[in-house]
Amino acid sequence: MPILTNTAEQPDEPRRGPVWSIAEPERELDSNLIRLPAGDSIPSHLGAEVDTLIHVVRGGGTLLTEEGETSLRPGDVALLPRHTVRGFRAGEDGLEYLTVHRRRQGLRIQSRPGST
């Protein structure tokens, strides 16, 4: 059964960070709606071990990569390959973007052979 969410209807709070995520426990995908207020940023960092697709939903800003800066506006879609540097800077209207990527495995603690 499909699950429908309208990202335009998300509450105004929180003003920064993930404001929506997939909650279904038996999923193969992860997705988050990320919100940055005007002028805020996520510093450049090395991406995880999964390819990530972003879709700009509202506002605008800048995508920061090793190749330079790319302007972002509503409707833009970008593929960020795994293990690449990326960062974001919100423009004057803030920035909201949806991320979609393969679900990463959770951390598991395993005993070493011979340990108790």
N, C-alpha and C. Protein backbone atom coordinates (compact mmCIF):
# COMPACT_ATOMS: atom_id res chain seq x y z
N MET A 1 0.84 -1.18 0.00
CA MET A 1 0.00 0.00 0.00
C MET A 1 0.89 1.25 0.00
N PRO A 2 0.67 2.19 -0.91
CA PRO A 2 1.48 3.41 -0.95
C PRO A 2 1.27 4.27 0.30
N ILE A 3 2.30 5.00 0.64
CA ILE A 3 2.24 5.94 1.76
C ILE A 3 2.43 7.32 1.15
N LEU A 4 1.48 8.23 1.38
CA LEU A 4 1.51 9.55 0.77
C LEU A 4 1.82 10.61 1.82
N THR A 5 2.78 11.47 1.51
CA THR A 5 3.11 12.61 2.37
C THR A 5 3.24 13.83 1.48
N ASN A 6 2.68 14.94 1.90
CA ASN A 6 2.82 16.19 1.17
C ASN A 6 3.86 17.04 1.88
N THR A 7 5.03 17.21 1.25
CA THR A 7 6.12 17.94 1.90
C THR A 7 5.78 19.41 2.10
N ALA A 8 4.90 19.97 1.29
CA ALA A 8 4.52 21.38 1.45
C ALA A 8 3.70 21.60 2.70
N GLU A 9 3.16 20.54 3.28
CA GLU A 9 2.32 20.68 4.47
C GLU A 9 3.07 20.41 5.77
N GLN A 10 4.40 20.35 5.73
CA GLN A 10 5.18 20.11 6.94
C GLN A 10 5.13 21.36 7.82
N PRO A 11 5.08 21.18 9.15
CA PRO A 11 5.02 22.35 10.04
C PRO A 11 6.28 23.21 9.93
N ASP A 12 6.17 24.46 10.36
CA ASP A 12 7.29 25.39 10.29
C ASP A 12 8.40 25.06 11.28
N GLU A 13 8.11 24.27 12.29
CA GLU A 13 9.12 23.86 13.27
C GLU A 13 9.40 22.37 13.09
N PRO A 14 10.61 21.90 13.18
CA PRO A 14 11.79 22.70 13.50
C PRO A 14 12.21 23.55 12.31
N ARG A 15 12.90 24.62 12.60
CA ARG A 15 13.36 25.53 11.55
C ARG A 15 14.60 25.00 10.85
N ARG A 16 15.34 24.09 11.50
CA ARG A 16 16.59 23.57 10.92
C ARG A 16 16.68 22.06 11.13
N GLY A 17 17.22 21.37 10.14
CA GLY A 17 17.47 19.95 10.26
C GLY A 17 16.42 19.12 9.56
N PRO A 18 16.38 17.83 9.88
CA PRO A 18 15.38 16.95 9.24
C PRO A 18 13.99 17.23 9.80
N VAL A 19 13.05 17.52 8.91
CA VAL A 19 11.69 17.81 9.34
C VAL A 19 10.73 16.68 8.98
N TRP A 20 11.20 15.73 8.19
CA TRP A 20 10.40 14.54 7.83
C TRP A 20 11.36 13.45 7.43
N SER A 21 11.02 12.21 7.78
CA SER A 21 11.80 11.03 7.38
C SER A 21 10.85 9.87 7.15
N ILE A 22 11.28 8.91 6.36
CA ILE A 22 10.48 7.69 6.20
C ILE A 22 10.51 6.95 7.53
N ALA A 23 9.36 6.53 7.99
CA ALA A 23 9.27 5.87 9.29
C ALA A 23 9.02 4.37 9.20
N GLU A 24 8.77 3.87 8.01
CA GLU A 24 8.45 2.45 7.84
C GLU A 24 9.67 1.59 8.19
N PRO A 25 9.54 0.65 9.12
CA PRO A 25 10.70 -0.13 9.56
C PRO A 25 11.23 -1.11 8.51
N GLU A 26 10.41 -1.63 7.63
CA GLU A 26 10.85 -2.66 6.66
C GLU A 26 11.10 -2.06 5.28
N ARG A 27 11.78 -0.95 5.21
CA ARG A 27 12.02 -0.26 3.94
C ARG A 27 13.42 -0.56 3.42
N GLU A 28 13.62 -0.34 2.14
CA GLU A 28 14.94 -0.46 1.53
C GLU A 28 15.54 0.91 1.23
N LEU A 29 14.71 1.96 1.28
CA LEU A 29 15.17 3.33 1.02
C LEU A 29 15.09 4.16 2.28
N ASP A 30 15.94 5.18 2.35
CA ASP A 30 15.83 6.23 3.35
C ASP A 30 15.57 7.53 2.61
N SER A 31 14.81 8.40 3.21
CA SER A 31 14.54 9.71 2.65
C SER A 31 14.30 10.68 3.78
N ASN A 32 14.81 11.89 3.64
CA ASN A 32 14.65 12.93 4.65
C ASN A 32 14.37 14.25 3.96
N LEU A 33 13.52 15.07 4.57
CA LEU A 33 13.33 16.44 4.12
C LEU A 33 14.17 17.30 5.06
N ILE A 34 15.18 17.97 4.50
CA ILE A 34 16.12 18.77 5.27
C ILE A 34 15.79 20.24 5.09
N ARG A 35 15.78 20.98 6.19
CA ARG A 35 15.45 22.41 6.15
C ARG A 35 16.61 23.21 6.73
N LEU A 36 17.00 24.25 5.99
CA LEU A 36 18.00 25.20 6.46
C LEU A 36 17.41 26.61 6.37
N PRO A 37 17.44 27.37 7.46
CA PRO A 37 16.96 28.75 7.38
C PRO A 37 17.90 29.63 6.55
N ALA A 38 17.43 30.78 6.17
CA ALA A 38 18.20 31.71 5.35
C ALA A 38 19.60 31.91 5.92
N GLY A 39 20.61 31.78 5.06
CA GLY A 39 21.99 32.02 5.45
C GLY A 39 22.66 30.90 6.21
N ASP A 40 21.92 29.89 6.64
CA ASP A 40 22.49 28.77 7.40
C ASP A 40 23.20 27.83 6.43
N SER A 41 24.02 26.93 6.98
CA SER A 41 24.75 26.02 6.10
C SER A 41 25.04 24.70 6.78
N ILE A 42 25.35 23.72 5.96
CA ILE A 42 25.90 22.44 6.40
C ILE A 42 27.31 22.42 5.82
N PRO A 43 28.34 22.42 6.68
CA PRO A 43 29.71 22.48 6.17
C PRO A 43 30.03 21.30 5.25
N SER A 44 30.97 21.53 4.36
CA SER A 44 31.41 20.47 3.45
C SER A 44 31.91 19.28 4.27
N HIS A 45 31.52 18.09 3.82
CA HIS A 45 31.87 16.85 4.51
C HIS A 45 31.92 15.71 3.50
N LEU A 46 32.55 14.62 3.88
CA LEU A 46 32.62 13.45 3.02
C LEU A 46 31.33 12.66 3.15
N GLY A 47 30.68 12.40 2.03
CA GLY A 47 29.43 11.67 2.03
C GLY A 47 29.61 10.22 2.44
N ALA A 48 28.53 9.61 2.84
CA ALA A 48 28.53 8.23 3.32
C ALA A 48 28.76 7.24 2.18
N GLU A 49 28.60 5.97 2.52
CA GLU A 49 28.89 4.88 1.58
C GLU A 49 27.74 4.60 0.62
N VAL A 50 26.80 5.53 0.50
CA VAL A 50 25.67 5.34 -0.42
C VAL A 50 25.55 6.56 -1.34
N ASP A 51 25.13 6.31 -2.58
CA ASP A 51 24.81 7.42 -3.48
C ASP A 51 23.57 8.12 -2.92
N THR A 52 23.52 9.43 -3.06
CA THR A 52 22.39 10.20 -2.54
C THR A 52 21.84 11.09 -3.64
N LEU A 53 20.52 11.05 -3.79
CA LEU A 53 19.82 11.92 -4.71
C LEU A 53 19.20 13.03 -3.88
N ILE A 54 19.38 14.29 -4.30
CA ILE A 54 18.68 15.39 -3.61
C ILE A 54 17.74 16.06 -4.60
N HIS A 55 16.62 16.53 -4.08
CA HIS A 55 15.63 17.26 -4.87
C HIS A 55 15.27 18.51 -4.09
N VAL A 56 15.52 19.68 -4.66
CA VAL A 56 15.22 20.94 -3.98
C VAL A 56 13.71 21.17 -4.06
N VAL A 57 13.10 21.32 -2.88
CA VAL A 57 11.65 21.46 -2.78
C VAL A 57 11.24 22.93 -2.68
N ARG A 58 11.97 23.69 -1.87
CA ARG A 58 11.63 25.10 -1.62
C ARG A 58 12.89 25.92 -1.39
N GLY A 59 12.79 27.21 -1.67
CA GLY A 59 13.90 28.11 -1.42
C GLY A 59 15.00 27.92 -2.44
N GLY A 60 16.22 28.14 -2.01
CA GLY A 60 17.36 28.00 -2.89
C GLY A 60 18.63 28.14 -2.10
N GLY A 61 19.73 27.99 -2.79
CA GLY A 61 21.01 28.10 -2.11
C GLY A 61 22.13 27.61 -2.99
N THR A 62 23.12 27.01 -2.36
CA THR A 62 24.32 26.59 -3.05
C THR A 62 24.74 25.20 -2.59
N LEU A 63 25.09 24.36 -3.56
CA LEU A 63 25.69 23.06 -3.29
C LEU A 63 27.20 23.24 -3.41
N LEU A 64 27.93 22.83 -2.38
CA LEU A 64 29.38 22.97 -2.34
C LEU A 64 30.00 21.60 -2.56
N THR A 65 30.86 21.48 -3.58
CA THR A 65 31.54 20.21 -3.86
C THR A 65 33.02 20.50 -4.12
N GLU A 66 33.78 19.44 -4.30
CA GLU A 66 35.20 19.61 -4.62
C GLU A 66 35.39 20.36 -5.94
N GLU A 67 34.41 20.27 -6.83
CA GLU A 67 34.50 20.94 -8.13
C GLU A 67 34.11 22.41 -8.07
N GLY A 68 33.54 22.86 -6.94
CA GLY A 68 33.14 24.26 -6.81
C GLY A 68 31.73 24.38 -6.27
N GLU A 69 31.09 25.50 -6.60
CA GLU A 69 29.75 25.82 -6.10
C GLU A 69 28.74 25.76 -7.24
N THR A 70 27.56 25.21 -6.93
CA THR A 70 26.47 25.11 -7.89
C THR A 70 25.22 25.70 -7.27
N SER A 71 24.56 26.63 -7.96
CA SER A 71 23.33 27.22 -7.46
C SER A 71 22.22 26.18 -7.44
N LEU A 72 21.38 26.25 -6.42
CA LEU A 72 20.24 25.36 -6.29
C LEU A 72 18.96 26.18 -6.27
N ARG A 73 17.92 25.67 -6.95
CA ARG A 73 16.61 26.32 -6.97
C ARG A 73 15.54 25.24 -6.96
N PRO A 74 14.30 25.58 -6.63
CA PRO A 74 13.24 24.57 -6.58
C PRO A 74 13.15 23.78 -7.88
N GLY A 75 13.03 22.48 -7.74
CA GLY A 75 12.94 21.58 -8.88
C GLY A 75 14.26 20.95 -9.27
N ASP A 76 15.38 21.52 -8.80
CA ASP A 76 16.68 20.93 -9.14
C ASP A 76 16.83 19.56 -8.49
N VAL A 77 17.46 18.65 -9.24
CA VAL A 77 17.77 17.31 -8.75
C VAL A 77 19.27 17.10 -8.98
N ALA A 78 19.94 16.58 -7.96
CA ALA A 78 21.38 16.32 -8.08
C ALA A 78 21.69 14.94 -7.53
N LEU A 79 22.60 14.24 -8.21
CA LEU A 79 23.10 12.96 -7.73
C LEU A 79 24.45 13.22 -7.08
N LEU A 80 24.58 12.83 -5.82
CA LEU A 80 25.83 12.96 -5.08
C LEU A 80 26.38 11.56 -4.88
N PRO A 81 27.38 11.18 -5.68
CA PRO A 81 27.92 9.83 -5.55
C PRO A 81 28.51 9.58 -4.16
N ARG A 82 28.51 8.33 -3.75
CA ARG A 82 29.05 7.97 -2.43
C ARG A 82 30.50 8.42 -2.32
N HIS A 83 30.89 8.73 -1.11
CA HIS A 83 32.27 9.13 -0.78
C HIS A 83 32.72 10.39 -1.51
N THR A 84 31.79 11.31 -1.83
CA THR A 84 32.18 12.59 -2.41
C THR A 84 31.91 13.69 -1.39
N VAL A 85 32.67 14.77 -1.51
CA VAL A 85 32.52 15.90 -0.61
C VAL A 85 31.31 16.72 -1.04
N ARG A 86 30.49 17.11 -0.03
CA ARG A 86 29.32 17.95 -0.31
C ARG A 86 29.00 18.80 0.90
N GLY A 87 28.45 19.96 0.66
CA GLY A 87 27.97 20.86 1.70
C GLY A 87 26.85 21.70 1.10
N PHE A 88 26.12 22.41 1.95
CA PHE A 88 24.98 23.20 1.49
C PHE A 88 24.99 24.56 2.18
N ARG A 89 24.58 25.59 1.45
CA ARG A 89 24.40 26.91 2.01
C ARG A 89 23.05 27.43 1.54
N ALA A 90 22.20 27.81 2.49
CA ALA A 90 20.86 28.30 2.16
C ALA A 90 20.93 29.73 1.66
N GLY A 91 20.05 30.06 0.73
CA GLY A 91 19.93 31.42 0.21
C GLY A 91 19.03 32.25 1.10
N GLU A 92 18.62 33.40 0.60
CA GLU A 92 17.83 34.36 1.40
C GLU A 92 16.44 33.85 1.75
N ASP A 93 15.92 32.87 1.01
CA ASP A 93 14.60 32.30 1.32
C ASP A 93 14.72 30.96 2.04
N GLY A 94 15.91 30.62 2.51
CA GLY A 94 16.12 29.31 3.13
C GLY A 94 16.24 28.24 2.05
N LEU A 95 16.42 27.01 2.49
CA LEU A 95 16.59 25.88 1.57
C LEU A 95 15.93 24.65 2.18
N GLU A 96 15.09 24.00 1.41
CA GLU A 96 14.51 22.70 1.79
C GLU A 96 14.79 21.74 0.66
N TYR A 97 15.36 20.59 1.01
CA TYR A 97 15.63 19.58 -0.01
C TYR A 97 15.36 18.19 0.54
N LEU A 98 14.94 17.33 -0.36
CA LEU A 98 14.64 15.95 -0.05
C LEU A 98 15.85 15.10 -0.42
N THR A 99 16.29 14.24 0.48
CA THR A 99 17.35 13.28 0.17
C THR A 99 16.74 11.91 0.00
N VAL A 100 17.29 11.13 -0.91
CA VAL A 100 16.84 9.75 -1.13
C VAL A 100 18.09 8.91 -1.34
N HIS A 101 18.20 7.83 -0.59
CA HIS A 101 19.35 6.93 -0.74
C HIS A 101 19.00 5.55 -0.22
N ARG A 102 19.81 4.59 -0.59
CA ARG A 102 19.63 3.22 -0.10
C ARG A 102 19.77 3.25 1.42
N ARG A 103 18.97 2.46 2.06
CA ARG A 103 19.03 2.38 3.52
C ARG A 103 20.35 1.74 3.93
N ARG A 104 21.04 2.39 4.83
CA ARG A 104 22.30 1.85 5.33
C ARG A 104 22.01 0.86 6.44
N GLN A 105 22.87 -0.12 6.56
CA GLN A 105 22.73 -1.10 7.63
C GLN A 105 23.05 -0.44 8.96
N GLY A 106 22.30 -0.79 9.97
CA GLY A 106 22.57 -0.27 11.31
C GLY A 106 23.85 -0.90 11.87
N LEU A 107 24.41 -0.26 12.86
CA LEU A 107 25.60 -0.80 13.50
C LEU A 107 25.25 -2.04 14.29
N ARG A 108 26.12 -3.02 14.22
CA ARG A 108 25.92 -4.25 14.98
C ARG A 108 27.18 -4.53 15.79
N ILE A 109 27.01 -4.91 17.03
CA ILE A 109 28.13 -5.28 17.87
C ILE A 109 28.24 -6.79 17.84
N GLN A 110 29.42 -7.26 17.45
CA GLN A 110 29.63 -8.69 17.37
C GLN A 110 30.74 -9.09 18.34
N SER A 111 30.59 -10.23 18.93
CA SER A 111 31.64 -10.74 19.81
C SER A 111 32.78 -11.27 18.99
N ARG A 112 33.99 -11.11 19.51
CA ARG A 112 35.15 -11.71 18.85
C ARG A 112 35.21 -13.18 19.26
N PRO A 113 35.68 -14.02 18.36
CA PRO A 113 35.82 -15.43 18.72
C PRO A 113 36.72 -15.58 19.96
N GLY A 114 36.28 -16.38 20.89
CA GLY A 114 37.06 -16.63 22.10
C GLY A 114 36.79 -15.63 23.22
N SER A 115 35.97 -14.56 22.95
CA SER A 115 35.69 -13.60 24.02
C SER A 115 34.43 -14.05 24.76
N THR A 116 34.29 -13.59 25.96
CA THR A 116 33.10 -13.97 26.74
C THR A 116 32.19 -12.83 26.95
